[in-house]
Amino acid sequence: MAEAPGRCGSGADAQAACGARRAGRRGAAVIRKRRSDAQHLDDAQEHLRVLRTHLKRGGLDDALIRDAVSHRLEVAIDAVARISPERLRAEAPTEWPKIVGMRNMLAHQYAELDQEILQNTIDNRLDDLIGLIERLRQAAD
C-alpha cells in the first residue's frame, strides 16, 4: 500500500526538508553545511568594518553607537572563535584568552561593562584584533 503524502509531500526527503523548515520557524537550530575558516574570518572582518562605520557616526557616549559597536565587536570575536582551535593557539596563544574575555564581558556582563573599558579596547586593542584576523585569514588561504 502506498503511503499517503503528508502535508509536506511524499517521501522521506520532502518530510525532512519540511521538518527543518518548521524547526527554523520555531527558533530551533537548523543544521547547515560547515563553513570554512576563511569564511568565518571574512565574517569577522566585515563586522569590524561595520563597527568602524558606526564609530564614524559618533562616539561611545551615544548609547545607540555604543550598543552597535559592542554588538559588532562581540559577533566579530564569535566569528573568529569558530575557526580551528589549533590555528588560534598557534597564531595567538596569549592574546586569544584576553580577546575571549572581552567577548564574554560584552555578551554576559554588558550592563556592568564600564564604557572606559570598551573605549580603551577600541582605541588600543582593535588594531591588534584586526591584525590577528588578517594573519589568520592569510594562513587560511
Foldseek 3Di string as FASTA:
>chain_A
DDDDADPQGDDPVSVVVVVLVVCVVVVHDRDDDDDALLVLLVLLVVLVVVLVVLVVVHHCVPVVNVLSNLVSLLSSLVSNVSHDPVLCCVLPVPVNVVSVVSSCCSVPVVVVDDVVVVVCCVVPPPVVVVVSSVVSNVVRD
